[in-house]
Amino acid sequence: MSQVVDYQTLMASFADFATRMQKFIHRLGLQVLPQCDHAAIRVNSRQMADKLRQQFLIDGELLSDTQINGRPILIIKLPQALRLEQYRIPCIELPYPKDKHYDSEGWEHIELVLPCEATDCAQLRQALLNRIPTLATVFDGNDAISIKYSSPAGADERLPNPTIAFYCEELCIKVHPHSIEAIIASEAT
């Protein structure tokens, strides 16, 4: 992650983040997944989150402002999608800080979609292994990549969206079965 000074610096740093992320995607074999629905930013202060919110909303559209795990998490649709290899990333996630302090602020992770009917992490893991058998080495712990399983949800979400996160150094790729826009739509029903 790079240090966030302002909106322009953040956006300028995306190219370097994308280059590093591409290598991680290929290392895992995840480039076969069809969609990257958003990229996430991490900041340490509410003031920085407020400032970025204002700047993103000059041209962007606020799709969601939901309390998850005790803090606001914004999903903002960009006027122009970010580009990461074959992916067009239409949205950013801007979580407000909680109790954790990050060594550096900036781009933190991307989220890829594996369309499937998984309703829990075990089913999602199996769907990933069916699609990318080489991930067995990673899941077996024979690689320097750590894995976290979770099922984050907003209060009004109706669609289960289990998540598997792969971590290596300062990079994180999360995989889930439904796009962020489908999850937001589920909140409206």
N, C-alpha and C. Protein backbone atom coordinates (compact mmCIF):
# COMPACT_ATOMS: atom_id res chain seq x y z
N MET A 1 0.84 -1.18 0.00
CA MET A 1 0.00 0.00 0.00
C MET A 1 0.87 1.24 0.00
N SER A 2 0.35 2.27 -0.60
CA SER A 2 1.08 3.52 -0.60
C SER A 2 0.44 4.48 0.39
N GLN A 3 1.16 5.51 0.74
CA GLN A 3 0.63 6.49 1.68
C GLN A 3 -0.35 7.40 0.95
N VAL A 4 -1.52 7.58 1.52
CA VAL A 4 -2.52 8.46 0.94
C VAL A 4 -2.25 9.87 1.42
N VAL A 5 -2.06 10.76 0.48
CA VAL A 5 -1.91 12.17 0.81
C VAL A 5 -3.19 12.89 0.42
N ASP A 6 -3.72 12.55 -0.73
CA ASP A 6 -4.96 13.14 -1.21
C ASP A 6 -5.53 12.25 -2.31
N TYR A 7 -6.66 12.63 -2.83
CA TYR A 7 -7.36 11.86 -3.85
C TYR A 7 -6.49 11.65 -5.10
N GLN A 8 -5.82 12.70 -5.56
CA GLN A 8 -5.00 12.59 -6.76
C GLN A 8 -3.85 11.60 -6.56
N THR A 9 -3.22 11.63 -5.41
CA THR A 9 -2.14 10.70 -5.11
C THR A 9 -2.66 9.27 -5.06
N LEU A 10 -3.82 9.09 -4.45
CA LEU A 10 -4.43 7.77 -4.39
C LEU A 10 -4.67 7.23 -5.80
N MET A 11 -5.31 8.03 -6.64
CA MET A 11 -5.63 7.57 -7.99
C MET A 11 -4.36 7.31 -8.80
N ALA A 12 -3.35 8.15 -8.62
CA ALA A 12 -2.09 7.96 -9.34
C ALA A 12 -1.38 6.68 -8.89
N SER A 13 -1.61 6.26 -7.65
CA SER A 13 -0.93 5.07 -7.14
C SER A 13 -1.60 3.77 -7.59
N PHE A 14 -2.77 3.86 -8.24
CA PHE A 14 -3.48 2.64 -8.63
C PHE A 14 -2.68 1.83 -9.65
N ALA A 15 -1.97 2.46 -10.55
CA ALA A 15 -1.22 1.72 -11.58
C ALA A 15 -0.19 0.78 -10.95
N ASP A 16 0.53 1.26 -9.95
CA ASP A 16 1.51 0.41 -9.27
C ASP A 16 0.80 -0.72 -8.52
N PHE A 17 -0.28 -0.40 -7.82
CA PHE A 17 -1.07 -1.41 -7.12
C PHE A 17 -1.57 -2.47 -8.11
N ALA A 18 -2.06 -2.04 -9.26
CA ALA A 18 -2.59 -2.96 -10.27
C ALA A 18 -1.50 -3.89 -10.79
N THR A 19 -0.31 -3.38 -11.00
CA THR A 19 0.80 -4.21 -11.48
C THR A 19 1.15 -5.29 -10.47
N ARG A 20 1.24 -4.91 -9.20
CA ARG A 20 1.54 -5.89 -8.15
C ARG A 20 0.40 -6.89 -7.98
N MET A 21 -0.82 -6.40 -8.10
CA MET A 21 -1.98 -7.27 -7.95
C MET A 21 -2.07 -8.27 -9.10
N GLN A 22 -1.75 -7.84 -10.33
CA GLN A 22 -1.75 -8.76 -11.48
C GLN A 22 -0.85 -9.96 -11.23
N LYS A 23 0.32 -9.72 -10.69
CA LYS A 23 1.25 -10.81 -10.40
C LYS A 23 0.66 -11.77 -9.39
N PHE A 24 0.00 -11.24 -8.37
CA PHE A 24 -0.61 -12.07 -7.34
C PHE A 24 -1.78 -12.87 -7.91
N ILE A 25 -2.59 -12.24 -8.74
CA ILE A 25 -3.71 -12.93 -9.40
C ILE A 25 -3.19 -14.13 -10.18
N HIS A 26 -2.14 -13.92 -10.97
CA HIS A 26 -1.58 -15.00 -11.79
C HIS A 26 -0.92 -16.07 -10.94
N ARG A 27 -0.27 -15.66 -9.86
CA ARG A 27 0.35 -16.65 -8.96
C ARG A 27 -0.70 -17.62 -8.42
N LEU A 28 -1.89 -17.10 -8.13
CA LEU A 28 -2.97 -17.93 -7.61
C LEU A 28 -3.78 -18.62 -8.71
N GLY A 29 -3.64 -18.16 -9.94
CA GLY A 29 -4.44 -18.72 -11.04
C GLY A 29 -5.83 -18.12 -11.11
N LEU A 30 -6.07 -17.02 -10.43
CA LEU A 30 -7.40 -16.44 -10.35
C LEU A 30 -7.81 -15.64 -11.58
N GLN A 31 -6.91 -15.47 -12.54
CA GLN A 31 -7.24 -14.71 -13.74
C GLN A 31 -8.38 -15.33 -14.54
N VAL A 32 -8.75 -16.59 -14.23
CA VAL A 32 -9.87 -17.24 -14.92
C VAL A 32 -11.22 -16.77 -14.38
N LEU A 33 -11.23 -16.08 -13.27
CA LEU A 33 -12.49 -15.59 -12.72
C LEU A 33 -12.97 -14.41 -13.56
N PRO A 34 -14.28 -14.34 -13.81
CA PRO A 34 -14.78 -13.41 -14.82
C PRO A 34 -14.91 -11.94 -14.41
N GLN A 35 -14.91 -11.64 -13.12
CA GLN A 35 -15.24 -10.27 -12.72
C GLN A 35 -14.46 -9.83 -11.50
N CYS A 36 -14.02 -8.58 -11.53
CA CYS A 36 -13.48 -7.90 -10.35
C CYS A 36 -14.47 -6.78 -10.08
N ASP A 37 -15.25 -6.91 -9.00
CA ASP A 37 -16.34 -5.96 -8.80
C ASP A 37 -15.96 -4.71 -8.03
N HIS A 38 -14.88 -4.77 -7.24
CA HIS A 38 -14.43 -3.54 -6.60
C HIS A 38 -13.03 -3.66 -6.03
N ALA A 39 -12.46 -2.49 -5.79
CA ALA A 39 -11.16 -2.37 -5.12
C ALA A 39 -11.40 -1.61 -3.83
N ALA A 40 -10.65 -1.96 -2.80
CA ALA A 40 -10.86 -1.35 -1.48
C ALA A 40 -9.67 -0.49 -1.06
N ILE A 41 -10.00 0.53 -0.32
CA ILE A 41 -9.03 1.49 0.20
C ILE A 41 -9.03 1.37 1.72
N ARG A 42 -7.89 1.58 2.34
CA ARG A 42 -7.80 1.60 3.79
C ARG A 42 -7.20 2.93 4.23
N VAL A 43 -7.85 3.53 5.22
CA VAL A 43 -7.35 4.78 5.80
C VAL A 43 -7.39 4.67 7.32
N ASN A 44 -6.61 5.50 7.98
CA ASN A 44 -6.49 5.45 9.44
C ASN A 44 -7.33 6.46 10.19
N SER A 45 -7.87 7.44 9.49
CA SER A 45 -8.63 8.46 10.21
C SER A 45 -9.99 8.71 9.56
N ARG A 46 -10.91 9.07 10.40
CA ARG A 46 -12.24 9.43 9.93
C ARG A 46 -12.16 10.66 9.01
N GLN A 47 -11.26 11.58 9.34
CA GLN A 47 -11.10 12.78 8.52
C GLN A 47 -10.67 12.43 7.10
N MET A 48 -9.73 11.47 6.95
CA MET A 48 -9.29 11.06 5.62
C MET A 48 -10.43 10.36 4.88
N ALA A 49 -11.19 9.51 5.59
CA ALA A 49 -12.32 8.83 4.96
C ALA A 49 -13.35 9.85 4.50
N ASP A 50 -13.65 10.86 5.33
CA ASP A 50 -14.60 11.90 4.95
C ASP A 50 -14.10 12.67 3.72
N LYS A 51 -12.83 12.98 3.71
CA LYS A 51 -12.24 13.73 2.60
C LYS A 51 -12.33 12.92 1.30
N LEU A 52 -11.96 11.64 1.36
CA LEU A 52 -12.03 10.80 0.16
C LEU A 52 -13.48 10.60 -0.28
N ARG A 53 -14.38 10.44 0.68
CA ARG A 53 -15.80 10.31 0.34
C ARG A 53 -16.25 11.51 -0.48
N GLN A 54 -15.95 12.70 0.01
CA GLN A 54 -16.34 13.93 -0.70
C GLN A 54 -15.76 13.96 -2.10
N GLN A 55 -14.49 13.59 -2.22
CA GLN A 55 -13.82 13.67 -3.52
C GLN A 55 -14.36 12.61 -4.49
N PHE A 56 -14.60 11.39 -4.01
CA PHE A 56 -15.14 10.36 -4.89
C PHE A 56 -16.57 10.70 -5.33
N LEU A 57 -17.32 11.37 -4.46
CA LEU A 57 -18.71 11.66 -4.79
C LEU A 57 -18.90 12.89 -5.66
N ILE A 58 -17.82 13.57 -6.01
CA ILE A 58 -17.94 14.68 -6.96
C ILE A 58 -18.49 14.14 -8.28
N ASP A 59 -17.96 13.02 -8.75
CA ASP A 59 -18.41 12.42 -10.00
C ASP A 59 -18.99 11.02 -9.81
N GLY A 60 -18.70 10.38 -8.68
CA GLY A 60 -19.16 9.02 -8.45
C GLY A 60 -20.55 8.98 -7.83
N GLU A 61 -21.09 7.76 -7.74
CA GLU A 61 -22.43 7.56 -7.20
C GLU A 61 -22.36 6.66 -5.97
N LEU A 62 -22.91 7.12 -4.87
CA LEU A 62 -22.93 6.32 -3.64
C LEU A 62 -23.98 5.23 -3.80
N LEU A 63 -23.53 3.98 -3.88
CA LEU A 63 -24.44 2.84 -4.01
C LEU A 63 -24.89 2.31 -2.66
N SER A 64 -23.99 2.42 -1.67
CA SER A 64 -24.30 1.86 -0.36
C SER A 64 -23.49 2.56 0.71
N ASP A 65 -24.14 2.78 1.84
CA ASP A 65 -23.50 3.30 3.05
C ASP A 65 -24.07 2.45 4.17
N THR A 66 -23.39 1.33 4.46
CA THR A 66 -23.92 0.32 5.36
C THR A 66 -23.01 0.12 6.56
N GLN A 67 -23.61 -0.10 7.70
CA GLN A 67 -22.86 -0.44 8.91
C GLN A 67 -22.53 -1.93 8.87
N ILE A 68 -21.25 -2.25 8.87
CA ILE A 68 -20.81 -3.64 8.92
C ILE A 68 -19.74 -3.73 9.99
N ASN A 69 -19.94 -4.63 10.93
CA ASN A 69 -19.02 -4.79 12.06
C ASN A 69 -18.76 -3.47 12.78
N GLY A 70 -19.81 -2.68 12.94
CA GLY A 70 -19.71 -1.47 13.75
C GLY A 70 -19.12 -0.25 13.09
N ARG A 71 -19.01 -0.24 11.79
CA ARG A 71 -18.47 0.95 11.12
C ARG A 71 -19.11 1.10 9.75
N PRO A 72 -19.16 2.34 9.24
CA PRO A 72 -19.70 2.55 7.90
C PRO A 72 -18.73 2.00 6.84
N ILE A 73 -19.31 1.35 5.86
CA ILE A 73 -18.55 0.92 4.69
C ILE A 73 -19.30 1.42 3.47
N LEU A 74 -18.64 2.26 2.70
CA LEU A 74 -19.25 2.86 1.52
C LEU A 74 -18.87 2.07 0.27
N ILE A 75 -19.82 1.94 -0.64
CA ILE A 75 -19.54 1.43 -1.97
C ILE A 75 -19.89 2.56 -2.93
N ILE A 76 -18.91 2.98 -3.70
CA ILE A 76 -19.07 4.10 -4.62
C ILE A 76 -18.81 3.62 -6.04
N LYS A 77 -19.78 3.87 -6.92
CA LYS A 77 -19.60 3.54 -8.33
C LYS A 77 -18.84 4.69 -8.98
N LEU A 78 -17.77 4.34 -9.65
CA LEU A 78 -16.91 5.34 -10.27
C LEU A 78 -17.49 5.80 -11.60
N PRO A 79 -17.21 7.04 -12.00
CA PRO A 79 -17.70 7.51 -13.31
C PRO A 79 -17.00 6.77 -14.46
N GLN A 80 -15.79 6.33 -14.20
CA GLN A 80 -15.02 5.54 -15.17
C GLN A 80 -14.35 4.40 -14.41
N ALA A 81 -14.57 3.19 -14.89
CA ALA A 81 -14.02 2.02 -14.20
C ALA A 81 -12.49 2.05 -14.18
N LEU A 82 -11.94 1.56 -13.08
CA LEU A 82 -10.50 1.35 -13.00
C LEU A 82 -10.16 0.13 -13.84
N ARG A 83 -8.93 0.05 -14.30
CA ARG A 83 -8.54 -1.07 -15.15
C ARG A 83 -7.41 -1.86 -14.50
N LEU A 84 -7.61 -3.17 -14.44
CA LEU A 84 -6.60 -4.08 -13.92
C LEU A 84 -6.59 -5.30 -14.86
N GLU A 85 -5.61 -5.33 -15.73
CA GLU A 85 -5.50 -6.38 -16.74
C GLU A 85 -6.80 -6.48 -17.52
N GLN A 86 -7.45 -7.65 -17.54
CA GLN A 86 -8.69 -7.79 -18.30
C GLN A 86 -9.91 -7.25 -17.56
N TYR A 87 -9.74 -6.87 -16.31
CA TYR A 87 -10.87 -6.44 -15.50
C TYR A 87 -11.14 -4.95 -15.61
N ARG A 88 -12.41 -4.62 -15.57
CA ARG A 88 -12.88 -3.25 -15.41
C ARG A 88 -13.53 -3.21 -14.03
N ILE A 89 -13.00 -2.38 -13.17
CA ILE A 89 -13.46 -2.34 -11.78
C ILE A 89 -14.38 -1.14 -11.62
N PRO A 90 -15.69 -1.37 -11.51
CA PRO A 90 -16.64 -0.27 -11.51
C PRO A 90 -16.79 0.47 -10.18
N CYS A 91 -16.40 -0.16 -9.08
CA CYS A 91 -16.68 0.41 -7.76
C CYS A 91 -15.46 0.39 -6.85
N ILE A 92 -15.50 1.28 -5.87
CA ILE A 92 -14.51 1.23 -4.80
C ILE A 92 -15.25 1.05 -3.48
N GLU A 93 -14.56 0.41 -2.55
CA GLU A 93 -15.06 0.25 -1.19
C GLU A 93 -14.22 1.15 -0.31
N LEU A 94 -14.91 1.98 0.46
CA LEU A 94 -14.23 2.88 1.38
C LEU A 94 -14.74 2.61 2.79
N PRO A 95 -14.04 1.72 3.52
CA PRO A 95 -14.44 1.47 4.91
C PRO A 95 -13.90 2.59 5.81
N TYR A 96 -14.74 3.03 6.72
CA TYR A 96 -14.26 3.96 7.73
C TYR A 96 -13.40 3.17 8.71
N PRO A 97 -12.39 3.82 9.30
CA PRO A 97 -11.49 3.08 10.19
C PRO A 97 -12.20 2.61 11.45
N LYS A 98 -11.69 1.51 11.98
CA LYS A 98 -12.21 0.98 13.24
C LYS A 98 -11.09 1.11 14.27
N ASP A 99 -10.66 0.01 14.83
CA ASP A 99 -9.64 0.05 15.87
C ASP A 99 -8.24 -0.25 15.36
N LYS A 100 -8.13 -0.66 14.11
CA LYS A 100 -6.83 -1.07 13.57
C LYS A 100 -6.12 0.12 12.93
N HIS A 101 -4.82 0.20 13.18
CA HIS A 101 -4.00 1.23 12.53
C HIS A 101 -3.16 0.55 11.45
N TYR A 102 -3.24 1.07 10.23
CA TYR A 102 -2.47 0.51 9.11
C TYR A 102 -1.13 1.23 9.01
N ASP A 103 -0.08 0.47 8.71
CA ASP A 103 1.24 1.07 8.55
C ASP A 103 1.25 2.09 7.42
N SER A 104 0.49 1.79 6.37
CA SER A 104 0.35 2.74 5.28
C SER A 104 -1.09 2.70 4.79
N GLU A 105 -1.53 3.79 4.24
CA GLU A 105 -2.89 3.92 3.76
C GLU A 105 -2.90 3.83 2.24
N GLY A 106 -4.02 3.47 1.68
CA GLY A 106 -4.14 3.43 0.23
C GLY A 106 -4.90 2.20 -0.22
N TRP A 107 -4.60 1.75 -1.42
CA TRP A 107 -5.27 0.57 -1.99
C TRP A 107 -4.88 -0.64 -1.17
N GLU A 108 -5.88 -1.44 -0.78
CA GLU A 108 -5.61 -2.58 0.10
C GLU A 108 -5.97 -3.92 -0.51
N HIS A 109 -7.12 -4.04 -1.16
CA HIS A 109 -7.47 -5.33 -1.75
C HIS A 109 -8.42 -5.15 -2.93
N ILE A 110 -8.58 -6.25 -3.68
CA ILE A 110 -9.60 -6.31 -4.72
C ILE A 110 -10.50 -7.49 -4.40
N GLU A 111 -11.68 -7.47 -4.99
CA GLU A 111 -12.61 -8.58 -4.79
C GLU A 111 -13.04 -9.12 -6.14
N LEU A 112 -12.81 -10.43 -6.30
CA LEU A 112 -13.17 -11.13 -7.53
C LEU A 112 -14.43 -11.95 -7.30
N VAL A 113 -15.18 -12.16 -8.36
CA VAL A 113 -16.43 -12.91 -8.27
C VAL A 113 -16.27 -14.25 -8.97
N LEU A 114 -16.59 -15.32 -8.25
CA LEU A 114 -16.72 -16.67 -8.82
C LEU A 114 -18.20 -17.00 -8.78
N PRO A 115 -18.92 -16.76 -9.88
CA PRO A 115 -20.35 -17.01 -9.85
C PRO A 115 -20.65 -18.47 -9.51
N CYS A 116 -21.35 -18.67 -8.42
CA CYS A 116 -21.71 -20.02 -7.99
C CYS A 116 -22.79 -19.90 -6.93
N GLU A 117 -23.30 -21.02 -6.52
CA GLU A 117 -24.39 -21.04 -5.54
C GLU A 117 -23.89 -21.27 -4.11
N ALA A 118 -22.61 -21.06 -3.85
CA ALA A 118 -22.06 -21.28 -2.51
C ALA A 118 -22.75 -20.39 -1.49
N THR A 119 -23.14 -21.00 -0.38
CA THR A 119 -23.76 -20.24 0.71
C THR A 119 -22.88 -20.21 1.95
N ASP A 120 -21.76 -20.94 1.92
CA ASP A 120 -20.80 -20.89 3.02
C ASP A 120 -19.39 -21.03 2.46
N CYS A 121 -18.41 -20.84 3.32
CA CYS A 121 -17.01 -20.83 2.87
C CYS A 121 -16.55 -22.20 2.38
N ALA A 122 -17.05 -23.28 2.97
CA ALA A 122 -16.66 -24.62 2.52
C ALA A 122 -17.12 -24.86 1.09
N GLN A 123 -18.33 -24.44 0.77
CA GLN A 123 -18.83 -24.60 -0.59
C GLN A 123 -18.07 -23.70 -1.56
N LEU A 124 -17.74 -22.51 -1.14
CA LEU A 124 -16.96 -21.61 -1.99
C LEU A 124 -15.57 -22.16 -2.24
N ARG A 125 -14.95 -22.70 -1.21
CA ARG A 125 -13.63 -23.33 -1.36
C ARG A 125 -13.68 -24.45 -2.38
N GLN A 126 -14.71 -25.30 -2.30
CA GLN A 126 -14.84 -26.40 -3.25
C GLN A 126 -15.07 -25.88 -4.67
N ALA A 127 -15.89 -24.85 -4.82
CA ALA A 127 -16.13 -24.26 -6.14
C ALA A 127 -14.84 -23.69 -6.72
N LEU A 128 -14.02 -23.06 -5.87
CA LEU A 128 -12.72 -22.55 -6.33
C LEU A 128 -11.80 -23.69 -6.76
N LEU A 129 -11.75 -24.75 -5.96
CA LEU A 129 -10.90 -25.89 -6.31
C LEU A 129 -11.39 -26.57 -7.60
N ASN A 130 -12.69 -26.63 -7.81
CA ASN A 130 -13.21 -27.20 -9.05
C ASN A 130 -12.78 -26.38 -10.25
N ARG A 131 -12.75 -25.07 -10.08
CA ARG A 131 -12.38 -24.16 -11.18
C ARG A 131 -10.87 -24.04 -11.33
N ILE A 132 -10.14 -24.06 -10.21
CA ILE A 132 -8.68 -23.85 -10.23
C ILE A 132 -8.04 -24.90 -9.32
N PRO A 133 -7.87 -26.13 -9.83
CA PRO A 133 -7.32 -27.21 -8.99
C PRO A 133 -5.96 -26.92 -8.39
N THR A 134 -5.16 -26.07 -9.03
CA THR A 134 -3.83 -25.75 -8.51
C THR A 134 -3.88 -25.00 -7.18
N LEU A 135 -5.05 -24.47 -6.81
CA LEU A 135 -5.18 -23.80 -5.51
C LEU A 135 -5.09 -24.77 -4.34
N ALA A 136 -5.15 -26.06 -4.61
CA ALA A 136 -5.04 -27.05 -3.52
C ALA A 136 -3.76 -26.85 -2.73
N THR A 137 -2.68 -26.52 -3.41
CA THR A 137 -1.39 -26.28 -2.74
C THR A 137 -1.51 -25.12 -1.76
N VAL A 138 -2.18 -24.08 -2.17
CA VAL A 138 -2.36 -22.91 -1.31
C VAL A 138 -3.26 -23.27 -0.12
N PHE A 139 -4.39 -23.94 -0.40
CA PHE A 139 -5.30 -24.32 0.67
C PHE A 139 -4.67 -25.31 1.65
N ASP A 140 -3.73 -26.11 1.18
CA ASP A 140 -3.04 -27.07 2.05
C ASP A 140 -1.91 -26.42 2.86
N GLY A 141 -1.68 -25.12 2.64
CA GLY A 141 -0.66 -24.42 3.40
C GLY A 141 0.75 -24.62 2.88
N ASN A 142 0.89 -25.08 1.65
CA ASN A 142 2.22 -25.32 1.08
C ASN A 142 2.73 -24.13 0.29
N ASP A 143 2.28 -22.96 0.62
CA ASP A 143 2.69 -21.75 -0.05
C ASP A 143 2.77 -20.66 1.02
N ALA A 144 3.43 -19.56 0.72
CA ALA A 144 3.58 -18.47 1.69
C ALA A 144 2.39 -17.52 1.65
N ILE A 145 1.23 -18.06 1.35
CA ILE A 145 0.02 -17.26 1.26
C ILE A 145 -0.90 -17.66 2.41
N SER A 146 -1.39 -16.67 3.14
CA SER A 146 -2.33 -16.99 4.21
C SER A 146 -3.76 -16.80 3.71
N ILE A 147 -4.67 -17.51 4.36
CA ILE A 147 -6.07 -17.53 3.93
C ILE A 147 -6.96 -17.21 5.12
N LYS A 148 -8.00 -16.42 4.85
CA LYS A 148 -8.99 -16.11 5.88
C LYS A 148 -10.38 -16.35 5.28
N TYR A 149 -11.21 -17.01 6.05
CA TYR A 149 -12.59 -17.29 5.65
C TYR A 149 -13.51 -16.38 6.44
N SER A 150 -14.52 -15.79 5.77
CA SER A 150 -15.46 -14.95 6.50
C SER A 150 -16.79 -14.89 5.74
N SER A 151 -17.77 -14.41 6.44
CA SER A 151 -19.09 -14.20 5.83
C SER A 151 -19.64 -12.86 6.31
N PRO A 152 -18.99 -11.76 5.87
CA PRO A 152 -19.45 -10.45 6.30
C PRO A 152 -20.82 -10.15 5.72
N ALA A 153 -21.63 -9.42 6.46
CA ALA A 153 -22.96 -9.09 5.95
C ALA A 153 -23.47 -7.81 6.60
N GLY A 154 -24.14 -7.02 5.77
CA GLY A 154 -24.84 -5.86 6.28
C GLY A 154 -26.17 -6.32 6.86
N ALA A 155 -26.79 -5.49 7.67
CA ALA A 155 -28.02 -5.87 8.37
C ALA A 155 -29.15 -6.25 7.43
N ASP A 156 -29.21 -5.65 6.24
CA ASP A 156 -30.33 -5.89 5.34
C ASP A 156 -30.00 -6.82 4.18
N GLU A 157 -28.80 -7.39 4.15
CA GLU A 157 -28.44 -8.28 3.04
C GLU A 157 -29.27 -9.55 3.08
N ARG A 158 -29.75 -9.96 1.94
CA ARG A 158 -30.55 -11.17 1.83
C ARG A 158 -29.82 -12.28 1.09
N LEU A 159 -28.69 -11.98 0.52
CA LEU A 159 -27.95 -12.92 -0.31
C LEU A 159 -26.67 -13.31 0.41
N PRO A 160 -26.50 -14.59 0.77
CA PRO A 160 -25.25 -14.97 1.45
C PRO A 160 -24.06 -14.80 0.50
N ASN A 161 -23.00 -14.24 1.02
CA ASN A 161 -21.83 -13.98 0.18
C ASN A 161 -20.54 -14.34 0.93
N PRO A 162 -20.33 -15.66 1.14
CA PRO A 162 -19.10 -16.07 1.84
C PRO A 162 -17.88 -15.58 1.08
N THR A 163 -16.82 -15.35 1.83
CA THR A 163 -15.61 -14.77 1.25
C THR A 163 -14.38 -15.56 1.67
N ILE A 164 -13.50 -15.78 0.70
CA ILE A 164 -12.18 -16.35 0.97
C ILE A 164 -11.17 -15.30 0.57
N ALA A 165 -10.31 -14.92 1.51
CA ALA A 165 -9.30 -13.89 1.28
C ALA A 165 -7.92 -14.54 1.26
N PHE A 166 -7.14 -14.18 0.25
CA PHE A 166 -5.76 -14.64 0.10
C PHE A 166 -4.84 -13.46 0.37
N TYR A 167 -3.89 -13.65 1.29
CA TYR A 167 -2.97 -12.59 1.69
C TYR A 167 -1.53 -12.98 1.39
N CYS A 168 -0.80 -12.04 0.85
CA CYS A 168 0.64 -12.21 0.65
C CYS A 168 1.27 -10.82 0.72
N GLU A 169 2.15 -10.66 1.67
CA GLU A 169 2.80 -9.37 1.93
C GLU A 169 1.72 -8.33 2.15
N GLU A 170 1.71 -7.24 1.39
CA GLU A 170 0.72 -6.18 1.61
C GLU A 170 -0.50 -6.33 0.70
N LEU A 171 -0.60 -7.44 -0.02
CA LEU A 171 -1.69 -7.61 -0.97
C LEU A 171 -2.75 -8.57 -0.46
N CYS A 172 -3.98 -8.33 -0.87
CA CYS A 172 -5.09 -9.21 -0.52
C CYS A 172 -6.05 -9.29 -1.70
N ILE A 173 -6.45 -10.52 -2.01
CA ILE A 173 -7.49 -10.77 -3.00
C ILE A 173 -8.59 -11.54 -2.30
N LYS A 174 -9.81 -11.02 -2.40
CA LYS A 174 -10.96 -11.71 -1.83
C LYS A 174 -11.80 -12.26 -2.97
N VAL A 175 -12.36 -13.45 -2.74
CA VAL A 175 -13.22 -14.09 -3.72
C VAL A 175 -14.56 -14.38 -3.07
N HIS A 176 -15.63 -14.09 -3.78
CA HIS A 176 -16.97 -14.36 -3.29
C HIS A 176 -17.88 -14.71 -4.46
N PRO A 177 -19.06 -15.31 -4.18
CA PRO A 177 -19.91 -15.80 -5.27
C PRO A 177 -20.82 -14.75 -5.93
N HIS A 178 -21.03 -13.61 -5.27
CA HIS A 178 -21.95 -12.61 -5.82
C HIS A 178 -21.27 -11.26 -5.89
N SER A 179 -21.59 -10.49 -6.92
CA SER A 179 -21.01 -9.16 -7.06
C SER A 179 -21.55 -8.22 -5.98
N ILE A 180 -20.81 -7.18 -5.72
CA ILE A 180 -21.22 -6.20 -4.71
C ILE A 180 -22.54 -5.54 -5.12
N GLU A 181 -22.74 -5.34 -6.42
CA GLU A 181 -23.99 -4.72 -6.87
C GLU A 181 -25.17 -5.65 -6.64
N ALA A 182 -24.98 -6.98 -6.80
CA ALA A 182 -26.05 -7.95 -6.50
C ALA A 182 -26.36 -7.96 -5.00
N ILE A 183 -25.33 -7.85 -4.18
CA ILE A 183 -25.54 -7.81 -2.72
C ILE A 183 -26.32 -6.56 -2.33
N ILE A 184 -25.94 -5.41 -2.91
CA ILE A 184 -26.65 -4.17 -2.60
C ILE A 184 -28.11 -4.28 -3.06
N ALA A 185 -28.33 -4.85 -4.23
CA ALA A 185 -29.71 -5.03 -4.72
C ALA A 185 -30.52 -5.92 -3.77
N SER A 186 -29.85 -6.93 -3.16
CA SER A 186 -30.56 -7.82 -2.23
C SER A 186 -31.05 -7.08 -0.99
N GLU A 187 -30.38 -5.99 -0.65
CA GLU A 187 -30.78 -5.21 0.51
C GLU A 187 -32.09 -4.48 0.27
N ALA A 188 -32.41 -4.23 -0.98
CA ALA A 188 -33.61 -3.46 -1.32
C ALA A 188 -34.87 -4.31 -1.36
N THR A 189 -34.71 -5.63 -1.36
CA THR A 189 -35.90 -6.49 -1.46
C THR A 189 -36.45 -6.86 -0.10
